[in-house]
């Protein structure tokens, strides 16, 4: 790592051509040779990138358009000193699924971990007809149709996770599930794909 002083620039950063990178460390400017970042594009990496992209798009198209929802998410993230957007991504990306069966006669999924406190992460179903079925369980575990209130699984029913801290005192209904939660996605690291947990 070479230190340098410039008579022209007080601060210069980032890449110059394909050879040199300028940066700052503890108030000292330095430069180093440029090396192309590793990007192996493994199947696991691809699945997780797709999951992240899907959640960012969901925030932009569903939640960010409702100021009251953004305010609620910001309030939920305040205790952790993070933004509402970061609270959303942390919670939804933290839902790690495995052993997902989406056939409506044998629905089951295993939630390995969650990104927010388990008692604040409620799994619910929104039926194809727009009816919300609350779940009895919170957080990690194996979920089947028996874990939801009066739910008979049918094609196109969607499984969501709702952040109860962001929801606050708002009544839980299908609209609230859209604004204070998100569809669950299964990031399959063995195939490099993501699948929305939506019954067939």
N, C-alpha and C. Protein backbone atom coordinates (compact mmCIF):
# COMPACT_ATOMS: atom_id res chain seq x y z
N UNK A 1 0.86 -1.19 0.00
CA UNK A 1 0.00 0.00 0.00
C UNK A 1 0.89 1.24 0.00
N UNK A 2 0.76 2.07 -1.00
CA UNK A 2 1.59 3.27 -1.13
C UNK A 2 0.83 4.51 -0.68
N UNK A 3 1.47 5.30 0.22
CA UNK A 3 0.88 6.57 0.62
C UNK A 3 1.29 7.64 -0.39
N UNK A 4 0.47 8.68 -0.50
CA UNK A 4 0.81 9.72 -1.47
C UNK A 4 0.20 11.03 -1.05
N UNK A 5 0.75 12.13 -1.56
CA UNK A 5 0.19 13.46 -1.38
C UNK A 5 0.09 14.12 -2.74
N UNK A 6 -1.05 14.78 -2.94
CA UNK A 6 -1.26 15.44 -4.22
C UNK A 6 -1.30 16.95 -4.03
N UNK A 7 -0.57 17.69 -4.86
CA UNK A 7 -0.64 19.16 -4.77
C UNK A 7 -1.93 19.72 -5.37
N UNK A 8 -2.70 18.86 -6.02
CA UNK A 8 -3.91 19.31 -6.71
C UNK A 8 -5.17 18.86 -5.99
N UNK A 9 -5.22 17.58 -5.61
CA UNK A 9 -6.43 17.02 -5.02
C UNK A 9 -6.27 16.83 -3.52
N UNK A 10 -7.26 17.32 -2.75
CA UNK A 10 -7.24 17.09 -1.30
C UNK A 10 -7.83 15.73 -0.95
N UNK A 11 -8.66 15.20 -1.85
CA UNK A 11 -9.28 13.89 -1.61
C UNK A 11 -9.62 13.28 -2.96
N UNK A 12 -9.10 12.13 -3.24
CA UNK A 12 -9.43 11.41 -4.47
C UNK A 12 -9.65 9.95 -4.12
N UNK A 13 -10.73 9.39 -4.67
CA UNK A 13 -11.07 8.01 -4.33
C UNK A 13 -11.56 7.28 -5.57
N UNK A 14 -11.71 5.98 -5.39
CA UNK A 14 -12.22 5.08 -6.43
C UNK A 14 -11.16 4.74 -7.47
N UNK A 15 -11.61 4.14 -8.54
CA UNK A 15 -10.71 3.52 -9.51
C UNK A 15 -10.29 4.51 -10.58
N UNK A 16 -9.02 4.40 -10.98
CA UNK A 16 -8.50 5.17 -12.10
C UNK A 16 -8.12 4.18 -13.19
N UNK A 17 -8.91 4.19 -14.27
CA UNK A 17 -8.68 3.22 -15.33
C UNK A 17 -8.86 1.80 -14.82
N UNK A 18 -7.98 0.91 -15.25
CA UNK A 18 -8.04 -0.49 -14.81
C UNK A 18 -6.79 -0.87 -14.01
N UNK A 19 -6.08 0.16 -13.51
CA UNK A 19 -4.79 -0.13 -12.88
C UNK A 19 -4.68 0.25 -11.41
N UNK A 20 -5.27 1.41 -11.03
CA UNK A 20 -5.02 1.97 -9.70
C UNK A 20 -6.33 2.30 -8.99
N UNK A 21 -6.37 2.06 -7.67
CA UNK A 21 -7.51 2.43 -6.83
C UNK A 21 -6.99 3.39 -5.76
N UNK A 22 -7.67 4.54 -5.61
CA UNK A 22 -7.34 5.52 -4.57
C UNK A 22 -8.37 5.42 -3.45
N UNK A 23 -7.90 5.57 -2.21
CA UNK A 23 -8.84 5.52 -1.09
C UNK A 23 -8.24 6.26 0.10
N UNK A 24 -8.95 6.17 1.25
CA UNK A 24 -8.54 6.87 2.47
C UNK A 24 -8.60 5.88 3.62
N UNK A 25 -7.59 5.90 4.48
CA UNK A 25 -7.56 5.05 5.66
C UNK A 25 -7.01 5.84 6.83
N UNK A 26 -7.84 6.03 7.85
CA UNK A 26 -7.46 6.78 9.05
C UNK A 26 -6.88 8.15 8.69
N UNK A 27 -7.54 8.81 7.74
CA UNK A 27 -7.13 10.15 7.37
C UNK A 27 -5.98 10.21 6.39
N UNK A 28 -5.44 9.05 6.02
CA UNK A 28 -4.31 9.02 5.10
C UNK A 28 -4.78 8.52 3.74
N UNK A 29 -4.43 9.24 2.71
CA UNK A 29 -4.75 8.78 1.37
C UNK A 29 -3.76 7.70 0.96
N UNK A 30 -4.25 6.73 0.21
CA UNK A 30 -3.34 5.71 -0.30
C UNK A 30 -3.84 5.22 -1.65
N UNK A 31 -2.96 4.52 -2.36
CA UNK A 31 -3.35 3.92 -3.62
C UNK A 31 -2.81 2.49 -3.67
N UNK A 32 -3.51 1.67 -4.41
CA UNK A 32 -3.10 0.27 -4.56
C UNK A 32 -3.47 -0.18 -5.97
N UNK A 33 -2.92 -1.29 -6.36
CA UNK A 33 -3.25 -1.82 -7.68
C UNK A 33 -4.67 -2.36 -7.67
N UNK A 34 -5.33 -2.22 -8.79
CA UNK A 34 -6.71 -2.69 -8.93
C UNK A 34 -6.74 -4.18 -9.20
N UNK A 35 -7.56 -4.87 -8.46
CA UNK A 35 -7.81 -6.29 -8.72
C UNK A 35 -9.30 -6.49 -8.86
N UNK A 36 -9.70 -7.25 -9.84
CA UNK A 36 -11.11 -7.48 -10.09
C UNK A 36 -11.72 -8.27 -8.95
N UNK A 37 -12.81 -7.78 -8.33
CA UNK A 37 -13.42 -8.51 -7.21
C UNK A 37 -13.88 -9.90 -7.64
N UNK A 38 -13.73 -10.85 -6.72
CA UNK A 38 -14.17 -12.21 -7.01
C UNK A 38 -15.69 -12.25 -7.10
N UNK A 39 -16.19 -12.93 -8.08
CA UNK A 39 -17.64 -13.08 -8.24
C UNK A 39 -17.91 -14.47 -8.80
N UNK A 40 -17.83 -15.48 -7.93
CA UNK A 40 -17.93 -16.85 -8.44
C UNK A 40 -19.31 -17.22 -8.98
N UNK A 41 -20.33 -16.44 -8.61
CA UNK A 41 -21.70 -16.70 -9.08
C UNK A 41 -22.12 -18.14 -8.79
N UNK A 42 -21.91 -18.55 -7.55
CA UNK A 42 -22.38 -19.88 -7.16
C UNK A 42 -23.90 -19.90 -7.14
N UNK A 43 -24.49 -21.08 -7.11
CA UNK A 43 -25.94 -21.21 -7.06
C UNK A 43 -26.50 -20.57 -5.79
N UNK A 44 -25.81 -20.76 -4.68
CA UNK A 44 -26.26 -20.16 -3.42
C UNK A 44 -26.23 -18.64 -3.51
N UNK A 45 -25.15 -18.11 -4.09
CA UNK A 45 -25.02 -16.66 -4.24
C UNK A 45 -26.12 -16.11 -5.15
N UNK A 46 -26.40 -16.81 -6.23
CA UNK A 46 -27.43 -16.38 -7.17
C UNK A 46 -28.80 -16.36 -6.51
N UNK A 47 -29.14 -17.41 -5.76
CA UNK A 47 -30.44 -17.48 -5.08
C UNK A 47 -30.60 -16.34 -4.09
N UNK A 48 -29.55 -16.05 -3.34
CA UNK A 48 -29.65 -15.00 -2.34
C UNK A 48 -29.71 -13.62 -2.96
N UNK A 49 -29.04 -13.43 -4.09
CA UNK A 49 -29.15 -12.15 -4.79
C UNK A 49 -30.56 -11.95 -5.33
N UNK A 50 -31.15 -13.01 -5.87
CA UNK A 50 -32.52 -12.92 -6.39
C UNK A 50 -33.50 -12.63 -5.26
N UNK A 51 -33.28 -13.25 -4.10
CA UNK A 51 -34.15 -13.02 -2.94
C UNK A 51 -34.08 -11.56 -2.51
N UNK A 52 -32.87 -11.04 -2.42
CA UNK A 52 -32.68 -9.64 -2.04
C UNK A 52 -33.38 -8.72 -3.04
N UNK A 53 -33.19 -8.97 -4.32
CA UNK A 53 -33.80 -8.13 -5.35
C UNK A 53 -35.32 -8.17 -5.28
N UNK A 54 -35.89 -9.34 -5.01
CA UNK A 54 -37.34 -9.47 -4.92
C UNK A 54 -37.89 -8.66 -3.75
N UNK A 55 -37.19 -8.67 -2.63
CA UNK A 55 -37.65 -7.92 -1.46
C UNK A 55 -37.53 -6.41 -1.66
N UNK A 56 -36.44 -5.98 -2.27
CA UNK A 56 -36.28 -4.55 -2.56
C UNK A 56 -37.40 -4.07 -3.49
N UNK A 57 -37.70 -4.86 -4.51
CA UNK A 57 -38.77 -4.50 -5.43
C UNK A 57 -40.12 -4.46 -4.71
N UNK A 58 -40.35 -5.41 -3.80
CA UNK A 58 -41.61 -5.42 -3.05
C UNK A 58 -41.74 -4.16 -2.20
N UNK A 59 -40.65 -3.79 -1.53
CA UNK A 59 -40.69 -2.55 -0.73
C UNK A 59 -41.04 -1.37 -1.61
N UNK A 60 -40.40 -1.27 -2.76
CA UNK A 60 -40.60 -0.12 -3.64
C UNK A 60 -42.02 -0.06 -4.19
N UNK A 61 -42.59 -1.21 -4.53
CA UNK A 61 -43.89 -1.23 -5.21
C UNK A 61 -45.08 -1.33 -4.27
N UNK A 62 -44.86 -1.81 -3.05
CA UNK A 62 -45.98 -2.00 -2.13
C UNK A 62 -45.91 -1.08 -0.91
N UNK A 63 -44.81 -1.08 -0.21
CA UNK A 63 -44.73 -0.41 1.09
C UNK A 63 -44.37 1.07 0.96
N UNK A 64 -43.37 1.37 0.12
CA UNK A 64 -42.87 2.75 0.04
C UNK A 64 -43.92 3.73 -0.48
N UNK A 65 -44.97 3.23 -1.11
CA UNK A 65 -45.99 4.12 -1.65
C UNK A 65 -47.04 4.53 -0.61
N UNK A 66 -46.94 3.97 0.60
CA UNK A 66 -47.88 4.29 1.68
C UNK A 66 -47.13 4.95 2.83
N UNK A 67 -47.19 6.27 2.96
CA UNK A 67 -46.41 6.98 3.98
C UNK A 67 -46.61 6.44 5.40
N UNK A 68 -47.84 6.08 5.75
CA UNK A 68 -48.08 5.59 7.11
C UNK A 68 -47.34 4.27 7.37
N UNK A 69 -47.22 3.44 6.34
CA UNK A 69 -46.49 2.19 6.49
C UNK A 69 -45.00 2.45 6.65
N UNK A 70 -44.46 3.38 5.87
CA UNK A 70 -43.04 3.72 5.99
C UNK A 70 -42.75 4.27 7.39
N UNK A 71 -43.66 5.11 7.91
CA UNK A 71 -43.49 5.66 9.25
C UNK A 71 -43.48 4.54 10.29
N UNK A 72 -44.38 3.57 10.13
CA UNK A 72 -44.44 2.45 11.07
C UNK A 72 -43.17 1.61 11.01
N UNK A 73 -42.66 1.35 9.81
CA UNK A 73 -41.43 0.59 9.68
C UNK A 73 -40.25 1.35 10.29
N UNK A 74 -40.20 2.65 10.07
CA UNK A 74 -39.12 3.45 10.66
C UNK A 74 -39.17 3.40 12.18
N UNK A 75 -40.37 3.45 12.73
CA UNK A 75 -40.52 3.36 14.19
C UNK A 75 -40.06 1.99 14.70
N UNK A 76 -40.36 0.93 13.91
CA UNK A 76 -39.96 -0.42 14.32
C UNK A 76 -38.45 -0.58 14.32
N UNK A 77 -37.77 0.13 13.42
CA UNK A 77 -36.32 0.01 13.35
C UNK A 77 -35.57 0.93 14.29
N UNK A 78 -36.29 1.85 14.91
CA UNK A 78 -35.64 2.89 15.72
C UNK A 78 -34.82 2.32 16.87
N UNK A 79 -35.33 1.31 17.55
CA UNK A 79 -34.61 0.77 18.71
C UNK A 79 -33.29 0.12 18.32
N UNK A 80 -33.18 -0.32 17.06
CA UNK A 80 -31.93 -0.91 16.57
C UNK A 80 -31.09 0.09 15.81
N UNK A 81 -31.54 1.36 15.80
CA UNK A 81 -30.84 2.43 15.09
C UNK A 81 -30.67 2.12 13.61
N UNK A 82 -31.71 1.56 13.02
CA UNK A 82 -31.70 1.29 11.59
C UNK A 82 -32.98 1.85 10.97
N UNK A 83 -32.96 2.02 9.67
CA UNK A 83 -34.14 2.56 8.98
C UNK A 83 -35.23 1.50 8.87
N UNK A 84 -36.43 1.95 8.55
CA UNK A 84 -37.52 1.01 8.32
C UNK A 84 -37.23 0.05 7.18
N UNK A 85 -36.61 0.57 6.13
CA UNK A 85 -36.23 -0.29 5.00
C UNK A 85 -35.28 -1.39 5.46
N UNK A 86 -34.28 -1.02 6.27
CA UNK A 86 -33.33 -2.01 6.75
C UNK A 86 -33.99 -3.02 7.70
N UNK A 87 -34.95 -2.54 8.50
CA UNK A 87 -35.70 -3.46 9.37
C UNK A 87 -36.45 -4.47 8.51
N UNK A 88 -37.07 -4.00 7.44
CA UNK A 88 -37.81 -4.87 6.53
C UNK A 88 -36.89 -5.90 5.90
N UNK A 89 -35.79 -5.45 5.34
CA UNK A 89 -34.87 -6.37 4.66
C UNK A 89 -34.28 -7.36 5.66
N UNK A 90 -33.88 -6.87 6.83
CA UNK A 90 -33.31 -7.74 7.86
C UNK A 90 -34.28 -8.85 8.25
N UNK A 91 -35.54 -8.47 8.47
CA UNK A 91 -36.52 -9.46 8.89
C UNK A 91 -36.87 -10.45 7.81
N UNK A 92 -37.10 -9.96 6.59
CA UNK A 92 -37.57 -10.84 5.52
C UNK A 92 -36.44 -11.68 4.93
N UNK A 93 -35.24 -11.10 4.84
CA UNK A 93 -34.09 -11.89 4.37
C UNK A 93 -33.70 -12.94 5.40
N UNK A 94 -34.00 -12.64 6.66
CA UNK A 94 -33.65 -13.57 7.72
C UNK A 94 -34.51 -14.82 7.76
N UNK A 95 -35.63 -14.82 7.01
CA UNK A 95 -36.46 -16.01 6.94
C UNK A 95 -35.82 -17.01 6.00
N UNK A 96 -35.25 -18.04 6.56
CA UNK A 96 -34.58 -19.08 5.78
C UNK A 96 -35.47 -20.32 5.78
N UNK A 97 -35.91 -20.72 4.59
CA UNK A 97 -36.84 -21.85 4.44
C UNK A 97 -36.12 -23.06 3.88
N UNK A 98 -36.65 -24.23 4.22
CA UNK A 98 -36.18 -25.47 3.62
C UNK A 98 -37.34 -26.45 3.57
N UNK A 99 -37.18 -27.52 2.82
CA UNK A 99 -38.18 -28.58 2.74
C UNK A 99 -39.58 -28.04 2.47
N UNK A 100 -39.68 -27.22 1.43
CA UNK A 100 -40.97 -26.60 1.09
C UNK A 100 -41.75 -27.48 0.13
N UNK A 101 -43.00 -27.78 0.49
CA UNK A 101 -43.91 -28.52 -0.39
C UNK A 101 -45.11 -27.64 -0.65
N UNK A 102 -45.33 -27.26 -1.92
CA UNK A 102 -46.35 -26.27 -2.23
C UNK A 102 -47.63 -26.87 -2.82
N UNK A 103 -47.70 -28.18 -2.91
CA UNK A 103 -48.94 -28.80 -3.35
C UNK A 103 -50.02 -28.54 -2.31
N UNK A 104 -51.23 -28.12 -2.76
CA UNK A 104 -52.25 -27.69 -1.79
C UNK A 104 -52.80 -28.83 -0.95
N UNK A 105 -52.52 -30.06 -1.32
CA UNK A 105 -53.00 -31.18 -0.50
C UNK A 105 -51.98 -31.59 0.56
N UNK A 106 -50.74 -31.19 0.37
CA UNK A 106 -49.69 -31.62 1.30
C UNK A 106 -48.78 -30.46 1.68
N UNK A 107 -49.34 -29.26 1.83
CA UNK A 107 -48.51 -28.10 2.10
C UNK A 107 -47.71 -28.26 3.39
N UNK A 108 -46.43 -27.95 3.30
CA UNK A 108 -45.59 -27.87 4.50
C UNK A 108 -44.35 -27.06 4.16
N UNK A 109 -43.79 -26.43 5.17
CA UNK A 109 -42.52 -25.74 5.00
C UNK A 109 -41.81 -25.69 6.34
N UNK A 110 -40.51 -25.69 6.28
CA UNK A 110 -39.71 -25.60 7.48
C UNK A 110 -39.03 -24.24 7.51
N UNK A 111 -39.28 -23.47 8.57
CA UNK A 111 -38.61 -22.18 8.77
C UNK A 111 -37.40 -22.44 9.65
N UNK A 112 -36.22 -22.29 9.06
CA UNK A 112 -34.98 -22.57 9.79
C UNK A 112 -34.61 -21.44 10.74
N UNK A 113 -34.79 -20.20 10.28
CA UNK A 113 -34.43 -19.06 11.12
C UNK A 113 -35.19 -17.83 10.67
N UNK A 114 -35.24 -16.83 11.53
CA UNK A 114 -35.90 -15.57 11.20
C UNK A 114 -34.93 -14.43 11.52
N UNK A 115 -35.12 -13.28 10.87
CA UNK A 115 -34.20 -12.17 11.03
C UNK A 115 -34.62 -11.16 12.07
N UNK A 116 -35.77 -11.36 12.70
CA UNK A 116 -36.27 -10.49 13.74
C UNK A 116 -36.71 -11.38 14.90
N UNK A 117 -36.93 -10.83 16.09
CA UNK A 117 -37.35 -11.68 17.20
C UNK A 117 -38.54 -12.57 16.82
N UNK A 118 -38.47 -13.83 17.21
CA UNK A 118 -39.46 -14.81 16.79
C UNK A 118 -40.89 -14.39 17.15
N UNK A 119 -41.06 -13.75 18.31
CA UNK A 119 -42.41 -13.37 18.73
C UNK A 119 -42.97 -12.20 17.95
N UNK A 120 -42.16 -11.60 17.07
CA UNK A 120 -42.63 -10.49 16.24
C UNK A 120 -42.83 -10.92 14.78
N UNK A 121 -42.57 -12.18 14.48
CA UNK A 121 -42.64 -12.66 13.10
C UNK A 121 -43.78 -13.67 12.96
N UNK A 122 -44.94 -13.20 12.55
CA UNK A 122 -46.11 -14.07 12.43
C UNK A 122 -46.32 -14.50 10.98
N UNK A 123 -46.46 -15.80 10.78
CA UNK A 123 -46.71 -16.33 9.46
C UNK A 123 -48.22 -16.43 9.25
N UNK A 124 -48.69 -15.89 8.12
CA UNK A 124 -50.12 -15.89 7.82
C UNK A 124 -50.32 -16.34 6.37
N UNK A 125 -51.57 -16.59 6.03
CA UNK A 125 -51.93 -16.97 4.66
C UNK A 125 -52.95 -15.97 4.13
N UNK A 126 -52.79 -15.57 2.88
CA UNK A 126 -53.82 -14.81 2.18
C UNK A 126 -54.34 -15.71 1.08
N UNK A 127 -55.60 -16.07 1.16
CA UNK A 127 -56.16 -17.01 0.20
C UNK A 127 -56.32 -16.34 -1.17
N UNK A 128 -56.52 -17.17 -2.17
CA UNK A 128 -56.74 -16.66 -3.53
C UNK A 128 -57.94 -15.73 -3.58
N UNK A 129 -58.90 -15.91 -2.66
CA UNK A 129 -60.08 -15.05 -2.60
C UNK A 129 -59.87 -13.81 -1.76
N UNK A 130 -58.65 -13.59 -1.25
CA UNK A 130 -58.34 -12.37 -0.50
C UNK A 130 -58.70 -12.42 0.97
N UNK A 131 -58.86 -13.62 1.52
CA UNK A 131 -59.18 -13.77 2.95
C UNK A 131 -57.90 -14.10 3.71
N UNK A 132 -57.71 -13.42 4.84
CA UNK A 132 -56.51 -13.65 5.64
C UNK A 132 -56.77 -14.74 6.68
N UNK A 133 -55.84 -15.69 6.75
CA UNK A 133 -55.89 -16.75 7.74
C UNK A 133 -54.68 -16.60 8.66
N UNK A 134 -54.94 -16.24 9.90
CA UNK A 134 -53.84 -16.03 10.84
C UNK A 134 -53.21 -17.35 11.25
N UNK A 135 -51.90 -17.28 11.50
CA UNK A 135 -51.20 -18.46 11.98
C UNK A 135 -51.17 -18.51 13.49
N UNK A 136 -51.12 -19.72 14.02
CA UNK A 136 -51.02 -19.90 15.46
C UNK A 136 -49.57 -19.73 15.94
N UNK A 137 -48.63 -19.90 15.01
CA UNK A 137 -47.22 -20.00 15.40
C UNK A 137 -46.42 -18.76 14.98
N UNK A 138 -45.34 -18.54 15.70
CA UNK A 138 -44.41 -17.46 15.38
C UNK A 138 -43.01 -18.07 15.25
N UNK A 139 -42.21 -17.50 14.35
CA UNK A 139 -40.81 -17.87 14.29
C UNK A 139 -40.52 -19.22 13.67
N UNK A 140 -39.33 -19.79 13.97
CA UNK A 140 -38.88 -21.03 13.34
C UNK A 140 -39.77 -22.22 13.68
N UNK A 141 -39.72 -23.23 12.80
CA UNK A 141 -40.47 -24.45 13.03
C UNK A 141 -41.03 -25.00 11.73
N UNK A 142 -41.72 -26.14 11.85
CA UNK A 142 -42.38 -26.75 10.70
C UNK A 142 -43.82 -26.28 10.65
N UNK A 143 -44.25 -25.79 9.50
CA UNK A 143 -45.61 -25.27 9.32
C UNK A 143 -46.38 -26.16 8.36
N UNK A 144 -47.62 -26.50 8.75
CA UNK A 144 -48.54 -27.20 7.87
C UNK A 144 -49.87 -26.44 7.91
N UNK A 145 -50.85 -26.91 7.17
CA UNK A 145 -52.14 -26.20 7.13
C UNK A 145 -52.81 -26.15 8.51
N UNK A 146 -52.46 -27.09 9.38
CA UNK A 146 -53.07 -27.13 10.72
C UNK A 146 -52.60 -25.98 11.60
N UNK A 147 -51.57 -25.27 11.18
CA UNK A 147 -51.03 -24.17 11.98
C UNK A 147 -51.66 -22.83 11.67
N UNK A 148 -52.76 -22.83 10.89
CA UNK A 148 -53.46 -21.61 10.53
C UNK A 148 -54.94 -21.75 10.87
N UNK A 149 -55.57 -20.63 11.19
CA UNK A 149 -56.96 -20.63 11.64
C UNK A 149 -57.90 -20.98 10.49
N UNK A 150 -58.58 -22.10 10.62
CA UNK A 150 -59.66 -22.49 9.68
C UNK A 150 -59.24 -22.38 8.22
N UNK A 151 -58.08 -22.92 7.91
CA UNK A 151 -57.57 -22.81 6.55
C UNK A 151 -57.60 -24.15 5.84
N UNK A 152 -58.29 -24.19 4.71
CA UNK A 152 -58.25 -25.33 3.81
C UNK A 152 -57.42 -24.92 2.61
N UNK A 153 -56.20 -25.42 2.46
CA UNK A 153 -55.31 -24.97 1.39
C UNK A 153 -55.94 -25.13 0.01
N UNK A 154 -55.69 -24.16 -0.85
CA UNK A 154 -56.18 -24.20 -2.23
C UNK A 154 -55.14 -23.54 -3.13
N UNK A 155 -55.22 -23.80 -4.41
CA UNK A 155 -54.29 -23.24 -5.37
C UNK A 155 -54.30 -21.71 -5.31
N UNK A 156 -53.12 -21.13 -5.42
CA UNK A 156 -52.89 -19.67 -5.44
C UNK A 156 -52.99 -18.99 -4.08
N UNK A 157 -53.17 -19.77 -3.01
CA UNK A 157 -53.05 -19.19 -1.67
C UNK A 157 -51.58 -18.82 -1.44
N UNK A 158 -51.35 -17.65 -0.80
CA UNK A 158 -49.99 -17.15 -0.60
C UNK A 158 -49.65 -17.11 0.88
N UNK A 159 -48.41 -17.42 1.21
CA UNK A 159 -47.94 -17.39 2.59
C UNK A 159 -47.09 -16.13 2.78
N UNK A 160 -47.43 -15.36 3.82
CA UNK A 160 -46.73 -14.12 4.14
C UNK A 160 -46.12 -14.22 5.54
N UNK A 161 -45.16 -13.36 5.80
CA UNK A 161 -44.71 -13.13 7.17
C UNK A 161 -45.00 -11.68 7.49
N UNK A 162 -45.58 -11.44 8.66
CA UNK A 162 -45.92 -10.09 9.10
C UNK A 162 -45.05 -9.72 10.29
N UNK A 163 -44.47 -8.53 10.24
CA UNK A 163 -43.68 -8.00 11.34
C UNK A 163 -44.64 -7.33 12.32
N UNK A 164 -44.89 -7.99 13.44
CA UNK A 164 -45.87 -7.48 14.39
C UNK A 164 -45.42 -6.17 15.02
N UNK A 165 -44.14 -5.92 15.11
CA UNK A 165 -43.66 -4.66 15.67
C UNK A 165 -43.98 -3.51 14.73
N UNK A 166 -43.78 -3.71 13.44
CA UNK A 166 -44.13 -2.68 12.47
C UNK A 166 -45.65 -2.51 12.40
N UNK A 167 -46.38 -3.61 12.52
CA UNK A 167 -47.85 -3.57 12.46
C UNK A 167 -48.42 -2.72 13.59
N UNK A 168 -47.82 -2.83 14.77
CA UNK A 168 -48.29 -2.06 15.92
C UNK A 168 -49.72 -2.40 16.28
N UNK A 169 -50.56 -1.37 16.42
CA UNK A 169 -51.95 -1.59 16.83
C UNK A 169 -52.88 -1.74 15.63
N UNK A 170 -52.34 -1.70 14.43
CA UNK A 170 -53.16 -1.83 13.22
C UNK A 170 -53.81 -3.20 13.16
N UNK A 171 -55.07 -3.25 12.75
CA UNK A 171 -55.77 -4.53 12.62
C UNK A 171 -55.13 -5.35 11.52
N UNK A 172 -54.88 -6.62 11.81
CA UNK A 172 -54.27 -7.50 10.82
C UNK A 172 -55.33 -7.97 9.83
N UNK A 173 -55.16 -7.56 8.58
CA UNK A 173 -56.05 -7.97 7.50
C UNK A 173 -55.18 -8.12 6.25
N UNK A 174 -55.75 -8.51 5.12
CA UNK A 174 -54.91 -8.70 3.92
C UNK A 174 -54.13 -7.45 3.52
N UNK A 175 -54.73 -6.28 3.67
CA UNK A 175 -54.03 -5.05 3.31
C UNK A 175 -52.87 -4.79 4.25
N UNK A 176 -53.08 -5.04 5.53
CA UNK A 176 -52.01 -4.86 6.51
C UNK A 176 -50.87 -5.84 6.24
N UNK A 177 -51.20 -7.05 5.82
CA UNK A 177 -50.16 -8.04 5.52
C UNK A 177 -49.29 -7.56 4.37
N UNK A 178 -49.89 -6.86 3.41
CA UNK A 178 -49.13 -6.29 2.30
C UNK A 178 -48.16 -5.22 2.76
N UNK A 179 -48.59 -4.41 3.75
CA UNK A 179 -47.82 -3.23 4.14
C UNK A 179 -46.86 -3.48 5.30
N UNK A 180 -47.15 -4.46 6.12
CA UNK A 180 -46.34 -4.69 7.31
C UNK A 180 -45.69 -6.07 7.29
N UNK A 181 -45.61 -6.63 6.10
CA UNK A 181 -44.96 -7.91 5.91
C UNK A 181 -44.62 -8.08 4.45
N UNK A 182 -44.42 -9.32 4.03
CA UNK A 182 -44.08 -9.60 2.64
C UNK A 182 -44.34 -11.07 2.35
N UNK A 183 -44.52 -11.41 1.07
CA UNK A 183 -44.63 -12.83 0.72
C UNK A 183 -43.35 -13.55 1.13
N UNK A 184 -43.50 -14.78 1.54
CA UNK A 184 -42.31 -15.58 1.84
C UNK A 184 -41.71 -16.11 0.55
N UNK A 185 -40.40 -16.09 0.47
CA UNK A 185 -39.67 -16.65 -0.66
C UNK A 185 -38.73 -17.74 -0.17
N UNK A 186 -38.63 -18.79 -0.95
CA UNK A 186 -37.68 -19.84 -0.66
C UNK A 186 -36.47 -19.65 -1.57
N UNK A 187 -35.35 -19.26 -0.99
CA UNK A 187 -34.11 -19.12 -1.76
C UNK A 187 -33.42 -20.48 -1.75
N UNK A 188 -33.57 -21.20 -2.85
CA UNK A 188 -33.04 -22.56 -2.94
C UNK A 188 -31.58 -22.51 -3.38
N UNK A 189 -30.69 -22.69 -2.43
CA UNK A 189 -29.27 -22.55 -2.72
C UNK A 189 -28.71 -23.70 -3.53
N UNK A 190 -29.45 -24.77 -3.66
CA UNK A 190 -28.97 -25.90 -4.47
C UNK A 190 -29.34 -25.75 -5.95
N UNK A 191 -30.32 -24.88 -6.24
CA UNK A 191 -30.72 -24.67 -7.63
C UNK A 191 -30.41 -23.26 -8.13
N UNK A 192 -30.15 -22.32 -7.21
CA UNK A 192 -29.89 -20.95 -7.60
C UNK A 192 -31.15 -20.17 -7.93
N UNK A 193 -32.32 -20.65 -7.50
CA UNK A 193 -33.58 -20.00 -7.83
C UNK A 193 -34.32 -19.61 -6.54
N UNK A 194 -35.28 -18.66 -6.70
CA UNK A 194 -36.17 -18.36 -5.60
C UNK A 194 -37.60 -18.73 -6.02
N UNK A 195 -38.37 -19.14 -5.05
CA UNK A 195 -39.76 -19.52 -5.28
C UNK A 195 -40.63 -18.84 -4.25
N UNK A 196 -41.64 -18.11 -4.70
CA UNK A 196 -42.60 -17.56 -3.76
C UNK A 196 -43.42 -18.70 -3.17
N UNK A 197 -43.66 -18.64 -1.86
CA UNK A 197 -44.45 -19.69 -1.23
C UNK A 197 -45.93 -19.44 -1.55
N UNK A 198 -46.31 -19.99 -2.69
CA UNK A 198 -47.65 -19.84 -3.23
C UNK A 198 -48.12 -21.21 -3.69
N UNK A 199 -49.27 -21.64 -3.21
CA UNK A 199 -49.69 -23.02 -3.44
C UNK A 199 -50.11 -23.27 -4.89
N UNK A 200 -49.91 -24.49 -5.30
CA UNK A 200 -50.30 -24.91 -6.65
C UNK A 200 -51.46 -25.88 -6.61
